[in-house]
């Protein structure tokens, strides 16, 4: 089933259980987020490499809304060469209140898509 949501989130389901989401969009930035301390627990966390993916969300009236998604990745250097290219990245998702948090699946690698 393909959802007309941001970055064309395509779901592969088996018996109603979501296994994987493929986020499609253009990588616009790769950066390292500085480590620090968790405000609630006080636990320290290390620097994290992040990728910013720009996707498109088709609205009911036919207009297009651009949406930016930040993804933590194991090694940002692998994504540097993919800047300004359309890619598909295998991801998982979890709900946090009213927000959805996306993460790159373990061992997930981006695939370059043809330009539209």
N, C-alpha and C. Protein backbone atom coordinates (compact mmCIF):
# COMPACT_ATOMS: atom_id res chain seq x y z
N UNK A 1 0.85 -1.17 0.00
CA UNK A 1 0.00 0.00 0.00
C UNK A 1 0.90 1.23 0.00
N UNK A 2 0.55 2.23 -0.77
CA UNK A 2 1.34 3.46 -0.81
C UNK A 2 0.50 4.58 -0.23
N UNK A 3 1.07 5.27 0.71
CA UNK A 3 0.40 6.38 1.39
C UNK A 3 0.85 7.67 0.71
N UNK A 4 -0.04 8.60 0.47
CA UNK A 4 0.32 9.87 -0.15
C UNK A 4 0.82 10.86 0.89
N UNK A 5 1.63 10.39 1.81
CA UNK A 5 2.17 11.26 2.86
C UNK A 5 3.56 11.72 2.46
N UNK A 6 4.18 12.46 3.36
CA UNK A 6 5.50 13.02 3.13
C UNK A 6 6.48 11.96 2.66
N UNK A 7 7.27 12.29 1.66
CA UNK A 7 8.33 11.45 1.14
C UNK A 7 7.82 10.13 0.60
N UNK A 8 6.55 10.05 0.20
CA UNK A 8 5.95 8.82 -0.31
C UNK A 8 6.29 7.65 0.59
N UNK A 9 5.78 7.68 1.79
CA UNK A 9 6.02 6.59 2.74
C UNK A 9 5.32 5.35 2.23
N UNK A 10 6.06 4.37 1.79
CA UNK A 10 5.43 3.14 1.30
C UNK A 10 5.55 2.06 2.36
N UNK A 11 4.44 1.44 2.64
CA UNK A 11 4.38 0.45 3.70
C UNK A 11 4.37 -0.95 3.11
N UNK A 12 5.15 -1.83 3.69
CA UNK A 12 5.12 -3.24 3.32
C UNK A 12 4.55 -3.97 4.52
N UNK A 13 3.33 -4.45 4.42
CA UNK A 13 2.67 -5.05 5.57
C UNK A 13 2.46 -6.54 5.39
N UNK A 14 2.45 -7.23 6.50
CA UNK A 14 2.14 -8.65 6.53
C UNK A 14 1.20 -8.86 7.71
N UNK A 15 -0.02 -9.28 7.42
CA UNK A 15 -1.03 -9.49 8.46
C UNK A 15 -1.28 -8.21 9.27
N UNK A 16 -1.20 -7.07 8.61
CA UNK A 16 -1.52 -5.81 9.27
C UNK A 16 -0.40 -5.23 10.11
N UNK A 17 0.79 -5.87 10.13
CA UNK A 17 1.90 -5.37 10.91
C UNK A 17 2.87 -4.65 9.98
N UNK A 18 3.19 -3.40 10.29
CA UNK A 18 4.11 -2.64 9.45
C UNK A 18 5.53 -3.11 9.70
N UNK A 19 6.23 -3.51 8.63
CA UNK A 19 7.60 -3.98 8.76
C UNK A 19 8.61 -2.88 8.43
N UNK A 20 8.33 -2.09 7.39
CA UNK A 20 9.30 -1.12 6.95
C UNK A 20 8.62 0.03 6.23
N UNK A 21 9.24 1.18 6.32
CA UNK A 21 8.79 2.37 5.61
C UNK A 21 9.95 2.81 4.74
N UNK A 22 9.68 3.17 3.51
CA UNK A 22 10.72 3.73 2.65
C UNK A 22 10.42 5.21 2.47
N UNK A 23 11.29 6.04 3.04
CA UNK A 23 11.12 7.48 2.86
C UNK A 23 11.83 7.88 1.58
N UNK A 24 11.13 8.62 0.73
CA UNK A 24 11.71 9.10 -0.51
C UNK A 24 11.74 10.62 -0.49
N UNK A 25 12.87 11.16 -0.87
CA UNK A 25 13.01 12.61 -0.91
C UNK A 25 14.41 12.99 -1.34
N UNK A 26 14.73 14.27 -1.23
CA UNK A 26 16.03 14.79 -1.62
C UNK A 26 16.84 15.09 -0.37
N UNK A 27 18.07 14.57 -0.32
CA UNK A 27 18.96 14.87 0.81
C UNK A 27 19.47 16.29 0.60
N UNK A 28 19.17 17.16 1.56
CA UNK A 28 19.60 18.55 1.41
C UNK A 28 20.74 18.93 2.35
N UNK A 29 20.97 18.11 3.40
CA UNK A 29 22.02 18.46 4.34
C UNK A 29 22.46 17.23 5.11
N UNK A 30 23.76 17.20 5.46
CA UNK A 30 24.33 16.18 6.33
C UNK A 30 25.12 16.93 7.39
N UNK A 31 24.88 16.63 8.67
CA UNK A 31 25.56 17.36 9.74
C UNK A 31 25.72 16.48 10.98
N UNK A 32 26.52 16.95 11.93
CA UNK A 32 26.71 16.26 13.20
C UNK A 32 26.07 17.09 14.30
N UNK A 33 25.15 16.47 15.04
CA UNK A 33 24.51 17.15 16.17
C UNK A 33 25.37 16.90 17.41
N UNK A 34 25.69 17.97 18.10
CA UNK A 34 26.56 17.90 19.26
C UNK A 34 25.91 17.09 20.38
N UNK A 35 26.71 16.30 21.07
CA UNK A 35 26.24 15.52 22.21
C UNK A 35 25.91 16.42 23.39
N UNK A 36 25.40 15.83 24.45
CA UNK A 36 25.04 16.61 25.63
C UNK A 36 24.46 15.71 26.70
N UNK A 37 23.56 16.28 27.51
CA UNK A 37 22.91 15.52 28.58
C UNK A 37 21.41 15.55 28.39
N UNK A 38 20.76 14.43 28.65
CA UNK A 38 19.31 14.33 28.60
C UNK A 38 18.73 15.18 29.72
N UNK A 39 17.77 16.05 29.40
CA UNK A 39 17.20 16.96 30.39
C UNK A 39 16.46 16.23 31.50
N UNK A 40 15.79 15.12 31.16
CA UNK A 40 15.00 14.40 32.16
C UNK A 40 15.85 13.48 33.03
N UNK A 41 16.73 12.70 32.39
CA UNK A 41 17.48 11.68 33.13
C UNK A 41 18.88 12.13 33.52
N UNK A 42 19.43 13.11 32.82
CA UNK A 42 20.78 13.56 33.10
C UNK A 42 21.85 12.69 32.45
N UNK A 43 21.42 11.66 31.71
CA UNK A 43 22.37 10.78 31.03
C UNK A 43 23.04 11.53 29.88
N UNK A 44 24.34 11.29 29.73
CA UNK A 44 25.09 11.92 28.64
C UNK A 44 24.87 11.13 27.35
N UNK A 45 24.85 11.86 26.21
CA UNK A 45 24.79 11.19 24.92
C UNK A 45 25.83 11.81 24.00
N UNK A 46 26.32 10.99 23.07
CA UNK A 46 27.41 11.38 22.18
C UNK A 46 26.90 12.14 20.96
N UNK A 47 27.85 12.70 20.20
CA UNK A 47 27.52 13.34 18.93
C UNK A 47 26.80 12.34 18.03
N UNK A 48 25.88 12.86 17.19
CA UNK A 48 25.13 12.00 16.27
C UNK A 48 25.16 12.61 14.88
N UNK A 49 25.41 11.75 13.89
CA UNK A 49 25.34 12.20 12.49
C UNK A 49 23.88 12.22 12.08
N UNK A 50 23.49 13.26 11.34
CA UNK A 50 22.10 13.42 10.91
C UNK A 50 22.05 13.76 9.43
N UNK A 51 20.93 13.38 8.82
CA UNK A 51 20.65 13.69 7.42
C UNK A 51 19.31 14.41 7.39
N UNK A 52 19.22 15.48 6.58
CA UNK A 52 17.94 16.17 6.40
C UNK A 52 17.40 15.81 5.02
N UNK A 53 16.20 15.24 5.02
CA UNK A 53 15.54 14.75 3.81
C UNK A 53 14.32 15.62 3.54
N UNK A 54 14.26 16.23 2.34
CA UNK A 54 13.11 17.05 1.96
C UNK A 54 12.16 16.21 1.12
N UNK A 55 10.95 16.07 1.62
CA UNK A 55 9.94 15.28 0.91
C UNK A 55 8.77 16.15 0.50
N UNK A 56 7.84 15.54 -0.19
CA UNK A 56 6.65 16.23 -0.66
C UNK A 56 5.41 15.52 -0.15
N UNK A 57 4.48 16.31 0.31
CA UNK A 57 3.21 15.79 0.81
C UNK A 57 2.11 16.36 -0.09
N UNK A 58 1.39 15.47 -0.77
CA UNK A 58 0.30 15.94 -1.63
C UNK A 58 -0.93 16.17 -0.77
N UNK A 59 -1.46 17.38 -0.82
CA UNK A 59 -2.63 17.76 -0.04
C UNK A 59 -3.91 17.36 -0.77
N UNK A 60 -5.03 17.25 -0.05
CA UNK A 60 -6.30 16.86 -0.67
C UNK A 60 -6.73 17.76 -1.83
N UNK A 61 -6.33 19.04 -1.79
CA UNK A 61 -6.72 19.96 -2.87
C UNK A 61 -5.76 19.91 -4.06
N UNK A 62 -4.76 19.00 -4.01
CA UNK A 62 -3.82 18.85 -5.12
C UNK A 62 -2.53 19.64 -4.97
N UNK A 63 -2.48 20.58 -4.02
CA UNK A 63 -1.26 21.34 -3.79
C UNK A 63 -0.19 20.43 -3.17
N UNK A 64 1.06 20.88 -3.27
CA UNK A 64 2.19 20.14 -2.71
C UNK A 64 2.77 20.92 -1.54
N UNK A 65 2.97 20.22 -0.43
CA UNK A 65 3.60 20.80 0.76
C UNK A 65 4.95 20.09 0.94
N UNK A 66 6.02 20.87 1.08
CA UNK A 66 7.34 20.29 1.33
C UNK A 66 7.51 20.08 2.83
N UNK A 67 8.10 18.95 3.19
CA UNK A 67 8.29 18.63 4.60
C UNK A 67 9.72 18.14 4.82
N UNK A 68 10.37 18.66 5.86
CA UNK A 68 11.75 18.32 6.18
C UNK A 68 11.77 17.27 7.29
N UNK A 69 12.51 16.18 7.06
CA UNK A 69 12.62 15.12 8.06
C UNK A 69 14.09 14.96 8.42
N UNK A 70 14.39 14.96 9.72
CA UNK A 70 15.74 14.73 10.21
C UNK A 70 15.89 13.26 10.59
N UNK A 71 16.91 12.60 10.06
CA UNK A 71 17.16 11.19 10.36
C UNK A 71 18.55 11.03 10.96
N UNK A 72 18.65 10.28 12.05
CA UNK A 72 19.96 9.92 12.60
C UNK A 72 20.51 8.78 11.76
N UNK A 73 21.80 8.86 11.42
CA UNK A 73 22.45 7.82 10.62
C UNK A 73 23.75 7.40 11.30
N UNK A 74 24.21 6.19 10.98
CA UNK A 74 25.44 5.68 11.60
C UNK A 74 26.67 6.47 11.18
N UNK A 75 26.79 6.77 9.89
CA UNK A 75 27.96 7.47 9.38
C UNK A 75 27.54 8.47 8.31
N UNK A 76 27.58 9.75 8.66
CA UNK A 76 27.15 10.80 7.74
C UNK A 76 28.01 10.91 6.49
N UNK A 77 29.26 10.43 6.56
CA UNK A 77 30.16 10.51 5.40
C UNK A 77 29.59 9.74 4.21
N UNK A 78 28.87 8.65 4.46
CA UNK A 78 28.29 7.86 3.38
C UNK A 78 27.19 8.64 2.64
N UNK A 79 26.64 9.66 3.27
CA UNK A 79 25.54 10.42 2.69
C UNK A 79 26.00 11.72 2.02
N UNK A 80 27.24 12.14 2.27
CA UNK A 80 27.75 13.40 1.71
C UNK A 80 27.65 13.42 0.19
N UNK A 81 27.96 12.30 -0.46
CA UNK A 81 27.95 12.25 -1.93
C UNK A 81 26.52 12.24 -2.48
N UNK A 82 25.54 12.05 -1.61
CA UNK A 82 24.14 11.98 -2.04
C UNK A 82 23.39 13.31 -1.89
N UNK A 83 24.10 14.35 -1.46
CA UNK A 83 23.45 15.66 -1.32
C UNK A 83 22.84 16.09 -2.65
N UNK A 84 21.64 16.66 -2.58
CA UNK A 84 20.89 17.15 -3.73
C UNK A 84 20.47 16.05 -4.70
N UNK A 85 20.42 14.81 -4.22
CA UNK A 85 19.95 13.70 -5.04
C UNK A 85 18.71 13.10 -4.39
N UNK A 86 17.80 12.60 -5.25
CA UNK A 86 16.60 11.91 -4.74
C UNK A 86 16.98 10.50 -4.34
N UNK A 87 16.58 10.12 -3.13
CA UNK A 87 16.92 8.80 -2.61
C UNK A 87 15.71 8.15 -1.95
N UNK A 88 15.82 6.85 -1.76
CA UNK A 88 14.86 6.08 -0.98
C UNK A 88 15.65 5.47 0.17
N UNK A 89 15.19 5.70 1.41
CA UNK A 89 15.90 5.21 2.59
C UNK A 89 14.96 4.32 3.39
N UNK A 90 15.36 3.06 3.68
CA UNK A 90 14.51 2.19 4.50
C UNK A 90 14.51 2.68 5.95
N UNK A 91 13.33 2.89 6.49
CA UNK A 91 13.19 3.46 7.83
C UNK A 91 12.14 2.71 8.64
N UNK A 92 12.16 2.98 9.91
CA UNK A 92 11.11 2.55 10.81
C UNK A 92 10.50 3.82 11.41
N UNK A 93 9.39 3.68 12.10
CA UNK A 93 8.72 4.84 12.68
C UNK A 93 8.12 4.47 14.02
N UNK A 94 8.09 5.46 14.91
CA UNK A 94 7.38 5.27 16.18
C UNK A 94 6.72 6.57 16.58
N UNK A 95 5.62 6.44 17.28
CA UNK A 95 4.85 7.62 17.69
C UNK A 95 5.36 8.13 19.02
N UNK A 96 5.45 9.44 19.12
CA UNK A 96 5.82 10.11 20.36
C UNK A 96 4.82 11.25 20.54
N UNK A 97 3.76 10.97 21.29
CA UNK A 97 2.69 11.96 21.42
C UNK A 97 2.01 12.14 20.08
N UNK A 98 1.96 13.39 19.60
CA UNK A 98 1.33 13.68 18.31
C UNK A 98 2.35 13.69 17.17
N UNK A 99 3.61 13.38 17.47
CA UNK A 99 4.66 13.38 16.45
C UNK A 99 5.05 11.96 16.07
N UNK A 100 5.60 11.83 14.87
CA UNK A 100 6.15 10.56 14.42
C UNK A 100 7.66 10.73 14.30
N UNK A 101 8.40 9.80 14.90
CA UNK A 101 9.85 9.82 14.84
C UNK A 101 10.30 8.74 13.87
N UNK A 102 11.08 9.13 12.86
CA UNK A 102 11.59 8.18 11.87
C UNK A 102 13.04 7.87 12.19
N UNK A 103 13.45 6.64 11.92
CA UNK A 103 14.84 6.23 12.10
C UNK A 103 15.23 5.30 10.96
N UNK A 104 16.51 5.37 10.57
CA UNK A 104 17.01 4.49 9.51
C UNK A 104 17.16 3.10 10.11
N UNK A 105 16.64 2.09 9.41
CA UNK A 105 16.72 0.72 9.92
C UNK A 105 18.18 0.26 9.97
N UNK A 106 18.47 -0.65 10.89
CA UNK A 106 19.83 -1.16 11.05
C UNK A 106 20.28 -1.80 9.73
N UNK A 107 21.41 -1.36 9.23
CA UNK A 107 21.93 -1.87 7.97
C UNK A 107 21.26 -1.28 6.74
N UNK A 108 20.33 -0.34 6.95
CA UNK A 108 19.63 0.28 5.83
C UNK A 108 20.55 1.18 5.03
N UNK A 109 20.50 1.06 3.71
CA UNK A 109 21.32 1.91 2.85
C UNK A 109 20.43 2.65 1.87
N UNK A 110 20.78 3.90 1.56
CA UNK A 110 19.97 4.69 0.62
C UNK A 110 20.16 4.20 -0.81
N UNK A 111 19.10 4.33 -1.60
CA UNK A 111 19.16 4.00 -3.02
C UNK A 111 18.83 5.27 -3.80
N UNK A 112 19.64 5.57 -4.79
CA UNK A 112 19.40 6.75 -5.63
C UNK A 112 18.21 6.48 -6.54
N UNK A 113 17.31 7.46 -6.61
CA UNK A 113 16.11 7.37 -7.46
C UNK A 113 16.28 8.26 -8.68
N UNK A 114 15.60 7.92 -9.77
CA UNK A 114 15.66 8.81 -10.94
C UNK A 114 14.98 10.14 -10.62
N UNK A 115 15.49 11.21 -11.19
CA UNK A 115 14.89 12.54 -10.98
C UNK A 115 13.54 12.61 -11.66
N UNK A 116 12.65 13.46 -11.09
CA UNK A 116 11.33 13.63 -11.70
C UNK A 116 11.31 14.91 -12.49
